[in-house]
């Protein structure tokens, strides 16, 4: 016998911006160079910013659970250049009481 329930707001098919051909949102559109070299160093600033924007939007929609749909559209080989890798890393820094 259940004594209480807790409901979560969820979206179990959240698309990543890896398939840029089907993404109209310029704020999240990914370029071919995910971590361009700046002063000889790889810089993930823009990719991190896009991952944080993605998380912020989930937060604004009050989503407590998301299921990521990533159909492996990326031709990028280095996992540090994948949006999903950055999304997971940035999610660790989310403060759900105060936003991203």
PDB file of N, CA and C in Angstrom:
ATOM      1  N   UNK A   1       0.848  -1.177   0.000  1.00  0.00           N
ATOM      2  CA  UNK A   1       0.000   0.000   0.000  1.00  0.00           C
ATOM      3  C   UNK A   1       0.898   1.247   0.000  1.00  0.00           C
ATOM      4  N   UNK A   2       0.714   2.118  -0.990  1.00  0.00           N
ATOM      5  CA  UNK A   2       1.475   3.363  -1.073  1.00  0.00           C
ATOM      6  C   UNK A   2       0.891   4.389  -0.117  1.00  0.00           C
ATOM      7  N   UNK A   3       1.768   5.100   0.572  1.00  0.00           N
ATOM      8  CA  UNK A   3       1.280   6.109   1.499  1.00  0.00           C
ATOM      9  C   UNK A   3       1.335   7.510   0.910  1.00  0.00           C
ATOM     10  N   UNK A   4       2.217   7.722  -0.056  1.00  0.00           N
ATOM     11  CA  UNK A   4       2.268   9.021  -0.708  1.00  0.00           C
ATOM     12  C   UNK A   4       2.907   8.890  -2.086  1.00  0.00           C
ATOM     13  N   UNK A   5       2.583   9.843  -2.922  1.00  0.00           N
ATOM     14  CA  UNK A   5       3.142   9.894  -4.266  1.00  0.00           C
ATOM     15  C   UNK A   5       3.870  11.215  -4.442  1.00  0.00           C
ATOM     16  N   UNK A   6       4.859  11.198  -5.289  1.00  0.00           N
ATOM     17  CA  UNK A   6       5.530  12.437  -5.664  1.00  0.00           C
ATOM     18  C   UNK A   6       5.559  12.482  -7.190  1.00  0.00           C
ATOM     19  N   UNK A   7       4.992  13.525  -7.765  1.00  0.00           N
ATOM     20  CA  UNK A   7       4.951  13.678  -9.206  1.00  0.00           C
ATOM     21  C   UNK A   7       6.116  14.532  -9.665  1.00  0.00           C
ATOM     22  N   UNK A   8       6.713  14.149 -10.789  1.00  0.00           N
ATOM     23  CA  UNK A   8       7.799  14.894 -11.391  1.00  0.00           C
ATOM     24  C   UNK A   8       7.351  15.392 -12.759  1.00  0.00           C
ATOM     25  N   UNK A   9       7.776  16.596 -13.108  1.00  0.00           N
ATOM     26  CA  UNK A   9       7.536  17.101 -14.454  1.00  0.00           C
ATOM     27  C   UNK A   9       8.685  16.598 -15.322  1.00  0.00           C
ATOM     28  N   UNK A  10       8.364  15.876 -16.387  1.00  0.00           N
ATOM     29  CA  UNK A  10       9.390  15.218 -17.189  1.00  0.00           C
ATOM     30  C   UNK A  10       9.120  15.375 -18.681  1.00  0.00           C
ATOM     31  N   UNK A  11      10.194  15.297 -19.442  1.00  0.00           N
ATOM     32  CA  UNK A  11      10.122  15.207 -20.898  1.00  0.00           C
ATOM     33  C   UNK A  11      11.129  14.129 -21.281  1.00  0.00           C
ATOM     34  N   UNK A  12      10.631  13.028 -21.789  1.00  0.00           N
ATOM     35  CA  UNK A  12      11.498  11.891 -22.067  1.00  0.00           C
ATOM     36  C   UNK A  12      11.990  11.835 -23.509  1.00  0.00           C
ATOM     37  N   UNK A  13      11.819  12.923 -24.262  1.00  0.00           N
ATOM     38  CA  UNK A  13      12.373  12.954 -25.609  1.00  0.00           C
ATOM     39  C   UNK A  13      12.844  14.368 -25.925  1.00  0.00           C
ATOM     40  N   UNK A  14      13.885  14.782 -25.233  1.00  0.00           N
ATOM     41  CA  UNK A  14      14.485  16.092 -25.449  1.00  0.00           C
ATOM     42  C   UNK A  14      15.589  15.925 -26.490  1.00  0.00           C
ATOM     43  N   UNK A  15      15.473  16.654 -27.586  1.00  0.00           N
ATOM     44  CA  UNK A  15      16.446  16.558 -28.681  1.00  0.00           C
ATOM     45  C   UNK A  15      17.669  17.412 -28.384  1.00  0.00           C
ATOM     46  N   UNK A  16      18.848  16.910 -28.686  1.00  0.00           N
ATOM     47  CA  UNK A  16      20.047  17.733 -28.583  1.00  0.00           C
ATOM     48  C   UNK A  16      20.223  18.495 -29.897  1.00  0.00           C
ATOM     49  N   UNK A  17      21.049  19.527 -29.886  1.00  0.00           N
ATOM     50  CA  UNK A  17      21.265  20.283 -31.124  1.00  0.00           C
ATOM     51  C   UNK A  17      22.301  19.654 -32.057  1.00  0.00           C
ATOM     52  N   UNK A  18      22.649  18.383 -31.862  1.00  0.00           N
ATOM     53  CA  UNK A  18      23.642  17.745 -32.738  1.00  0.00           C
ATOM     54  C   UNK A  18      23.199  17.724 -34.198  1.00  0.00           C
ATOM     55  N   UNK A  19      21.920  17.585 -34.438  1.00  0.00           N
ATOM     56  CA  UNK A  19      21.427  17.580 -35.813  1.00  0.00           C
ATOM     57  C   UNK A  19      21.009  18.995 -36.185  1.00  0.00           C
ATOM     58  N   UNK A  20      21.987  19.818 -36.536  1.00  0.00           N
ATOM     59  CA  UNK A  20      21.743  21.224 -36.823  1.00  0.00           C
ATOM     60  C   UNK A  20      20.809  21.478 -37.984  1.00  0.00           C
ATOM     61  N   UNK A  21      20.686  20.506 -38.879  1.00  0.00           N
ATOM     62  CA  UNK A  21      19.797  20.689 -40.041  1.00  0.00           C
ATOM     63  C   UNK A  21      18.341  20.821 -39.614  1.00  0.00           C
ATOM     64  N   UNK A  22      17.989  20.283 -38.460  1.00  0.00           N
ATOM     65  CA  UNK A  22      16.598  20.310 -38.011  1.00  0.00           C
ATOM     66  C   UNK A  22      16.405  21.225 -36.803  1.00  0.00           C
ATOM     67  N   UNK A  23      17.363  22.075 -36.532  1.00  0.00           N
ATOM     68  CA  UNK A  23      17.260  22.984 -35.380  1.00  0.00           C
ATOM     69  C   UNK A  23      17.156  24.405 -35.898  1.00  0.00           C
ATOM     70  N   UNK A  24      16.069  25.089 -35.518  1.00  0.00           N
ATOM     71  CA  UNK A  24      15.867  26.466 -35.938  1.00  0.00           C
ATOM     72  C   UNK A  24      16.378  27.469 -34.917  1.00  0.00           C
ATOM     73  N   UNK A  25      16.719  27.017 -33.733  1.00  0.00           N
ATOM     74  CA  UNK A  25      17.137  27.882 -32.645  1.00  0.00           C
ATOM     75  C   UNK A  25      18.610  28.254 -32.794  1.00  0.00           C
ATOM     76  N   UNK A  26      18.874  29.478 -33.216  1.00  0.00           N
ATOM     77  CA  UNK A  26      20.261  29.911 -33.443  1.00  0.00           C
ATOM     78  C   UNK A  26      21.075  29.923 -32.158  1.00  0.00           C
ATOM     79  N   UNK A  27      20.422  30.112 -31.001  1.00  0.00           N
ATOM     80  CA  UNK A  27      21.141  30.130 -29.723  1.00  0.00           C
ATOM     81  C   UNK A  27      21.783  28.784 -29.411  1.00  0.00           C
ATOM     82  N   UNK A  28      21.263  27.707 -29.993  1.00  0.00           N
ATOM     83  CA  UNK A  28      21.779  26.377 -29.697  1.00  0.00           C
ATOM     84  C   UNK A  28      22.425  25.693 -30.892  1.00  0.00           C
ATOM     85  N   UNK A  29      22.400  26.322 -32.056  1.00  0.00           N
ATOM     86  CA  UNK A  29      22.982  25.698 -33.241  1.00  0.00           C
ATOM     87  C   UNK A  29      24.478  25.512 -33.049  1.00  0.00           C
ATOM     88  N   UNK A  30      24.960  24.328 -33.320  1.00  0.00           N
ATOM     89  CA  UNK A  30      26.370  23.991 -33.130  1.00  0.00           C
ATOM     90  C   UNK A  30      27.136  24.162 -34.433  1.00  0.00           C
ATOM     91  N   UNK A  31      28.332  24.676 -34.330  1.00  0.00           N
ATOM     92  CA  UNK A  31      29.192  24.815 -35.495  1.00  0.00           C
ATOM     93  C   UNK A  31      30.049  23.578 -35.684  1.00  0.00           C
ATOM     94  N   UNK A  32      30.808  23.554 -36.760  1.00  0.00           N
ATOM     95  CA  UNK A  32      31.689  22.417 -37.021  1.00  0.00           C
ATOM     96  C   UNK A  32      32.885  22.403 -36.083  1.00  0.00           C
ATOM     97  N   UNK A  33      33.396  23.568 -35.725  1.00  0.00           N
ATOM     98  CA  UNK A  33      34.475  23.651 -34.751  1.00  0.00           C
ATOM     99  C   UNK A  33      33.851  23.873 -33.376  1.00  0.00           C
ATOM    100  N   UNK A  34      33.818  22.823 -32.581  1.00  0.00           N
ATOM    101  CA  UNK A  34      33.169  22.915 -31.272  1.00  0.00           C
ATOM    102  C   UNK A  34      34.061  23.602 -30.244  1.00  0.00           C
ATOM    103  N   UNK A  35      35.372  23.359 -30.351  1.00  0.00           N
ATOM    104  CA  UNK A  35      36.342  23.964 -29.437  1.00  0.00           C
ATOM    105  C   UNK A  35      37.451  24.580 -30.284  1.00  0.00           C
ATOM    106  N   UNK A  36      37.202  25.770 -30.812  1.00  0.00           N
ATOM    107  CA  UNK A  36      38.232  26.388 -31.653  1.00  0.00           C
ATOM    108  C   UNK A  36      39.464  26.742 -30.821  1.00  0.00           C
ATOM    109  N   UNK A  37      40.577  26.815 -31.490  1.00  0.00           N
ATOM    110  CA  UNK A  37      41.823  27.200 -30.808  1.00  0.00           C
ATOM    111  C   UNK A  37      41.856  28.723 -30.668  1.00  0.00           C
ATOM    112  N   UNK A  38      42.091  29.155 -29.439  1.00  0.00           N
ATOM    113  CA  UNK A  38      42.272  30.575 -29.151  1.00  0.00           C
ATOM    114  C   UNK A  38      43.612  30.690 -28.448  1.00  0.00           C
ATOM    115  N   UNK A  39      44.517  31.439 -29.055  1.00  0.00           N
ATOM    116  CA  UNK A  39      45.890  31.549 -28.542  1.00  0.00           C
ATOM    117  C   UNK A  39      46.525  30.169 -28.375  1.00  0.00           C
ATOM    118  N   UNK A  40      46.254  29.270 -29.322  1.00  0.00           N
ATOM    119  CA  UNK A  40      46.860  27.948 -29.319  1.00  0.00           C
ATOM    120  C   UNK A  40      46.191  26.929 -28.403  1.00  0.00           C
ATOM    121  N   UNK A  41      45.186  27.341 -27.631  1.00  0.00           N
ATOM    122  CA  UNK A  41      44.505  26.444 -26.697  1.00  0.00           C
ATOM    123  C   UNK A  41      43.082  26.161 -27.175  1.00  0.00           C
ATOM    124  N   UNK A  42      42.638  24.911 -26.999  1.00  0.00           N
ATOM    125  CA  UNK A  42      41.248  24.581 -27.318  1.00  0.00           C
ATOM    126  C   UNK A  42      40.336  25.318 -26.349  1.00  0.00           C
ATOM    127  N   UNK A  43      39.308  25.966 -26.890  1.00  0.00           N
ATOM    128  CA  UNK A  43      38.401  26.748 -26.061  1.00  0.00           C
ATOM    129  C   UNK A  43      36.977  26.228 -26.233  1.00  0.00           C
ATOM    130  N   UNK A  44      36.409  25.720 -25.160  1.00  0.00           N
ATOM    131  CA  UNK A  44      35.050  25.161 -25.188  1.00  0.00           C
ATOM    132  C   UNK A  44      34.014  26.162 -24.709  1.00  0.00           C
ATOM    133  N   UNK A  45      34.376  27.432 -24.599  1.00  0.00           N
ATOM    134  CA  UNK A  45      33.484  28.454 -24.051  1.00  0.00           C
ATOM    135  C   UNK A  45      32.114  28.509 -24.700  1.00  0.00           C
ATOM    136  N   UNK A  46      32.074  28.516 -26.023  1.00  0.00           N
ATOM    137  CA  UNK A  46      30.786  28.614 -26.721  1.00  0.00           C
ATOM    138  C   UNK A  46      29.968  27.336 -26.533  1.00  0.00           C
ATOM    139  N   UNK A  47      30.606  26.194 -26.588  1.00  0.00           N
ATOM    140  CA  UNK A  47      29.914  24.919 -26.404  1.00  0.00           C
ATOM    141  C   UNK A  47      29.354  24.822 -24.983  1.00  0.00           C
ATOM    142  N   UNK A  48      30.125  25.246 -24.007  1.00  0.00           N
ATOM    143  CA  UNK A  48      29.664  25.257 -22.616  1.00  0.00           C
ATOM    144  C   UNK A  48      28.495  26.211 -22.462  1.00  0.00           C
ATOM    145  N   UNK A  49      28.579  27.375 -23.080  1.00  0.00           N
ATOM    146  CA  UNK A  49      27.497  28.354 -23.015  1.00  0.00           C
ATOM    147  C   UNK A  49      26.199  27.787 -23.595  1.00  0.00           C
ATOM    148  N   UNK A  50      26.306  27.060 -24.701  1.00  0.00           N
ATOM    149  CA  UNK A  50      25.115  26.465 -25.322  1.00  0.00           C
ATOM    150  C   UNK A  50      24.534  25.363 -24.434  1.00  0.00           C
ATOM    151  N   UNK A  51      25.388  24.584 -23.788  1.00  0.00           N
ATOM    152  CA  UNK A  51      24.896  23.551 -22.868  1.00  0.00           C
ATOM    153  C   UNK A  51      24.180  24.196 -21.692  1.00  0.00           C
ATOM    154  N   UNK A  52      24.716  25.296 -21.182  1.00  0.00           N
ATOM    155  CA  UNK A  52      24.075  25.995 -20.063  1.00  0.00           C
ATOM    156  C   UNK A  52      22.749  26.620 -20.495  1.00  0.00           C
ATOM    157  N   UNK A  53      22.676  27.135 -21.724  1.00  0.00           N
ATOM    158  CA  UNK A  53      21.419  27.672 -22.253  1.00  0.00           C
ATOM    159  C   UNK A  53      20.369  26.574 -22.320  1.00  0.00           C
ATOM    160  N   UNK A  54      20.769  25.408 -22.800  1.00  0.00           N
ATOM    161  CA  UNK A  54      19.882  24.240 -22.893  1.00  0.00           C
ATOM    162  C   UNK A  54      19.351  23.881 -21.500  1.00  0.00           C
ATOM    163  N   UNK A  55      20.242  23.802 -20.522  1.00  0.00           N
ATOM    164  CA  UNK A  55      19.843  23.475 -19.153  1.00  0.00           C
ATOM    165  C   UNK A  55      18.951  24.553 -18.554  1.00  0.00           C
ATOM    166  N   UNK A  56      19.260  25.817 -18.832  1.00  0.00           N
ATOM    167  CA  UNK A  56      18.449  26.921 -18.328  1.00  0.00           C
ATOM    168  C   UNK A  56      17.025  26.822 -18.851  1.00  0.00           C
ATOM    169  N   UNK A  57      16.894  26.458 -20.109  1.00  0.00           N
ATOM    170  CA  UNK A  57      15.544  26.336 -20.683  1.00  0.00           C
ATOM    171  C   UNK A  57      14.771  25.193 -20.036  1.00  0.00           C
ATOM    172  N   UNK A  58      15.453  24.096 -19.751  1.00  0.00           N
ATOM    173  CA  UNK A  58      14.803  22.988 -19.039  1.00  0.00           C
ATOM    174  C   UNK A  58      14.356  23.448 -17.657  1.00  0.00           C
ATOM    175  N   UNK A  59      15.206  24.222 -16.996  1.00  0.00           N
ATOM    176  CA  UNK A  59      14.891  24.747 -15.676  1.00  0.00           C
ATOM    177  C   UNK A  59      13.685  25.684 -15.747  1.00  0.00           C
ATOM    178  N   UNK A  60      13.670  26.584 -16.749  1.00  0.00           N
ATOM    179  CA  UNK A  60      12.561  27.529 -16.900  1.00  0.00           C
ATOM    180  C   UNK A  60      11.232  26.803 -17.122  1.00  0.00           C
ATOM    181  N   UNK A  61      11.291  25.659 -17.786  1.00  0.00           N
ATOM    182  CA  UNK A  61      10.084  24.853 -18.011  1.00  0.00           C
ATOM    183  C   UNK A  61       9.740  23.974 -16.810  1.00  0.00           C
ATOM    184  N   UNK A  62      10.566  24.083 -15.772  1.00  0.00           N
ATOM    185  CA  UNK A  62      10.393  23.331 -14.530  1.00  0.00           C
ATOM    186  C   UNK A  62      10.465  21.831 -14.741  1.00  0.00           C
ATOM    187  N   UNK A  63      11.289  21.418 -15.713  1.00  0.00           N
ATOM    188  CA  UNK A  63      11.487  19.991 -15.946  1.00  0.00           C
ATOM    189  C   UNK A  63      12.412  19.442 -14.866  1.00  0.00           C
ATOM    190  N   UNK A  64      11.981  18.393 -14.213  1.00  0.00           N
ATOM    191  CA  UNK A  64      12.783  17.769 -13.170  1.00  0.00           C
ATOM    192  C   UNK A  64      13.527  16.547 -13.688  1.00  0.00           C
ATOM    193  N   UNK A  65      13.024  15.976 -14.774  1.00  0.00           N
ATOM    194  CA  UNK A  65      13.637  14.803 -15.401  1.00  0.00           C
ATOM    195  C   UNK A  65      13.589  15.014 -16.911  1.00  0.00           C
ATOM    196  N   UNK A  66      14.716  14.760 -17.581  1.00  0.00           N
ATOM    197  CA  UNK A  66      14.702  14.775 -19.043  1.00  0.00           C
ATOM    198  C   UNK A  66      15.354  13.499 -19.551  1.00  0.00           C
ATOM    199  N   UNK A  67      14.855  13.026 -20.661  1.00  0.00           N
ATOM    200  CA  UNK A  67      15.465  11.913 -21.381  1.00  0.00           C
ATOM    201  C   UNK A  67      16.030  12.482 -22.663  1.00  0.00           C
ATOM    202  N   UNK A  68      17.324  12.349 -22.850  1.00  0.00           N
ATOM    203  CA  UNK A  68      17.996  12.926 -24.015  1.00  0.00           C
ATOM    204  C   UNK A  68      17.849  12.006 -25.217  1.00  0.00           C
ATOM    205  N   UNK A  69      17.420  12.585 -26.330  1.00  0.00           N
ATOM    206  CA  UNK A  69      17.355  11.863 -27.593  1.00  0.00           C
ATOM    207  C   UNK A  69      18.486  12.379 -28.460  1.00  0.00           C
ATOM    208  N   UNK A  70      19.460  11.541 -28.699  1.00  0.00           N
ATOM    209  CA  UNK A  70      20.606  11.922 -29.519  1.00  0.00           C
ATOM    210  C   UNK A  70      20.800  10.796 -30.527  1.00  0.00           C
ATOM    211  N   UNK A  71      20.484  11.059 -31.767  1.00  0.00           N
ATOM    212  CA  UNK A  71      20.490  10.026 -32.800  1.00  0.00           C
ATOM    213  C   UNK A  71      21.850   9.847 -33.457  1.00  0.00           C
ATOM    214  N   UNK A  72      22.891  10.247 -32.750  1.00  0.00           N
ATOM    215  CA  UNK A  72      24.256  10.094 -33.267  1.00  0.00           C
ATOM    216  C   UNK A  72      24.456  10.791 -34.608  1.00  0.00           C
ATOM    217  N   UNK A  73      23.883  11.980 -34.756  1.00  0.00           N
ATOM    218  CA  UNK A  73      24.049  12.730 -35.989  1.00  0.00           C
ATOM    219  C   UNK A  73      25.430  13.369 -36.076  1.00  0.00           C
ATOM    220  N   UNK A  74      26.098  13.502 -34.947  1.00  0.00           N
ATOM    221  CA  UNK A  74      27.379  14.187 -34.927  1.00  0.00           C
ATOM    222  C   UNK A  74      28.448  13.374 -35.653  1.00  0.00           C
ATOM    223  N   UNK A  75      29.200  14.055 -36.470  1.00  0.00           N
ATOM    224  CA  UNK A  75      30.348  13.425 -37.127  1.00  0.00           C
ATOM    225  C   UNK A  75      31.620  13.728 -36.342  1.00  0.00           C
ATOM    226  N   UNK A  76      31.471  14.409 -35.218  1.00  0.00           N
ATOM    227  CA  UNK A  76      32.596  14.791 -34.377  1.00  0.00           C
ATOM    228  C   UNK A  76      33.057  13.572 -33.586  1.00  0.00           C
ATOM    229  N   UNK A  77      34.362  13.318 -33.570  1.00  0.00           N
ATOM    230  CA  UNK A  77      34.882  12.101 -32.933  1.00  0.00           C
ATOM    231  C   UNK A  77      35.308  12.287 -31.483  1.00  0.00           C
ATOM    232  N   UNK A  78      35.806  13.449 -31.112  1.00  0.00           N
ATOM    233  CA  UNK A  78      36.297  13.667 -29.752  1.00  0.00           C
ATOM    234  C   UNK A  78      35.114  13.900 -28.806  1.00  0.00           C
ATOM    235  N   UNK A  79      34.940  13.076 -27.782  1.00  0.00           N
ATOM    236  CA  UNK A  79      33.808  13.228 -26.855  1.00  0.00           C
ATOM    237  C   UNK A  79      33.742  14.602 -26.178  1.00  0.00           C
ATOM    238  N   UNK A  80      34.874  15.282 -26.033  1.00  0.00           N
ATOM    239  CA  UNK A  80      34.843  16.614 -25.425  1.00  0.00           C
ATOM    240  C   UNK A  80      34.198  17.645 -26.347  1.00  0.00           C
ATOM    241  N   UNK A  81      34.033  17.299 -27.619  1.00  0.00           N
ATOM    242  CA  UNK A  81      33.372  18.179 -28.577  1.00  0.00           C
ATOM    243  C   UNK A  81      31.885  17.858 -28.726  1.00  0.00           C
ATOM    244  N   UNK A  82      31.427  16.825 -28.072  1.00  0.00           N
ATOM    245  CA  UNK A  82      30.010  16.452 -28.152  1.00  0.00           C
ATOM    246  C   UNK A  82      29.184  17.329 -27.228  1.00  0.00           C
ATOM    247  N   UNK A  83      28.048  17.743 -27.703  1.00  0.00           N
ATOM    248  CA  UNK A  83      27.132  18.542 -26.885  1.00  0.00           C
ATOM    249  C   UNK A  83      26.727  17.767 -25.633  1.00  0.00           C
ATOM    250  N   UNK A  84      26.437  16.492 -25.787  1.00  0.00           N
ATOM    251  CA  UNK A  84      25.964  15.688 -24.664  1.00  0.00           C
ATOM    252  C   UNK A  84      27.006  15.597 -23.547  1.00  0.00           C
ATOM    253  N   UNK A  85      28.277  15.495 -23.893  1.00  0.00           N
ATOM    254  CA  UNK A  85      29.340  15.472 -22.885  1.00  0.00           C
ATOM    255  C   UNK A  85      29.336  16.774 -22.093  1.00  0.00           C
ATOM    256  N   UNK A  86      29.262  17.882 -22.793  1.00  0.00           N
ATOM    257  CA  UNK A  86      29.248  19.179 -22.115  1.00  0.00           C
ATOM    258  C   UNK A  86      27.972  19.361 -21.294  1.00  0.00           C
ATOM    259  N   UNK A  87      26.858  18.854 -21.805  1.00  0.00           N
ATOM    260  CA  UNK A  87      25.588  18.960 -21.079  1.00  0.00           C
ATOM    261  C   UNK A  87      25.680  18.249 -19.732  1.00  0.00           C
ATOM    262  N   UNK A  88      26.225  17.044 -19.732  1.00  0.00           N
ATOM    263  CA  UNK A  88      26.368  16.280 -18.487  1.00  0.00           C
ATOM    264  C   UNK A  88      27.318  17.014 -17.540  1.00  0.00           C
ATOM    265  N   UNK A  89      28.429  17.514 -18.059  1.00  0.00           N
ATOM    266  CA  UNK A  89      29.392  18.215 -17.208  1.00  0.00           C
ATOM    267  C   UNK A  89      28.796  19.493 -16.623  1.00  0.00           C
ATOM    268  N   UNK A  90      28.054  20.239 -17.424  1.00  0.00           N
ATOM    269  CA  UNK A  90      27.465  21.485 -16.935  1.00  0.00           C
ATOM    270  C   UNK A  90      26.304  21.232 -15.975  1.00  0.00           C
ATOM    271  N   UNK A  91      25.627  20.121 -16.143  1.00  0.00           N
ATOM    272  CA  UNK A  91      24.505  19.800 -15.257  1.00  0.00           C
ATOM    273  C   UNK A  91      24.976  19.642 -13.813  1.00  0.00           C
ATOM    274  N   UNK A  92      26.222  19.260 -13.630  1.00  0.00           N
ATOM    275  CA  UNK A  92      26.770  19.105 -12.272  1.00  0.00           C
ATOM    276  C   UNK A  92      26.838  20.443 -11.541  1.00  0.00           C
ATOM    277  N   UNK A  93      26.852  21.549 -12.289  1.00  0.00           N
ATOM    278  CA  UNK A  93      26.983  22.864 -11.657  1.00  0.00           C
ATOM    279  C   UNK A  93      25.648  23.602 -11.544  1.00  0.00           C
ATOM    280  N   UNK A  94      24.562  22.943 -11.882  1.00  0.00           N
ATOM    281  CA  UNK A  94      23.253  23.593 -11.857  1.00  0.00           C
ATOM    282  C   UNK A  94      22.780  23.778 -10.422  1.00  0.00           C
ATOM    283  N   UNK A  95      22.308  24.964 -10.121  1.00  0.00           N
ATOM    284  CA  UNK A  95      21.676  25.257  -8.837  1.00  0.00           C
ATOM    285  C   UNK A  95      20.186  25.393  -9.105  1.00  0.00           C
ATOM    286  N   UNK A  96      19.440  24.351  -8.865  1.00  0.00           N
ATOM    287  CA  UNK A  96      18.025  24.353  -9.218  1.00  0.00           C
ATOM    288  C   UNK A  96      17.200  25.323  -8.387  1.00  0.00           C
ATOM    289  N   UNK A  97      17.731  25.826  -7.289  1.00  0.00           N
ATOM    290  CA  UNK A  97      17.005  26.810  -6.500  1.00  0.00           C
ATOM    291  C   UNK A  97      17.176  28.224  -7.057  1.00  0.00           C
ATOM    292  N   UNK A  98      18.260  28.434  -7.818  1.00  0.00           N
ATOM    293  CA  UNK A  98      18.547  29.760  -8.325  1.00  0.00           C
ATOM    294  C   UNK A  98      18.800  29.790  -9.829  1.00  0.00           C
ATOM    295  N   UNK A  99      18.553  28.710 -10.516  1.00  0.00           N
ATOM    296  CA  UNK A  99      18.775  28.663 -11.960  1.00  0.00           C
ATOM    297  C   UNK A  99      20.195  28.262 -12.276  1.00  0.00           C
ATOM    298  N   UNK A 100      20.521  28.231 -13.557  1.00  0.00           N
ATOM    299  CA  UNK A 100      21.846  27.806 -14.002  1.00  0.00           C
ATOM    300  C   UNK A 100      22.829  28.922 -13.808  1.00  0.00           C
TER     301      UNK A 100
END
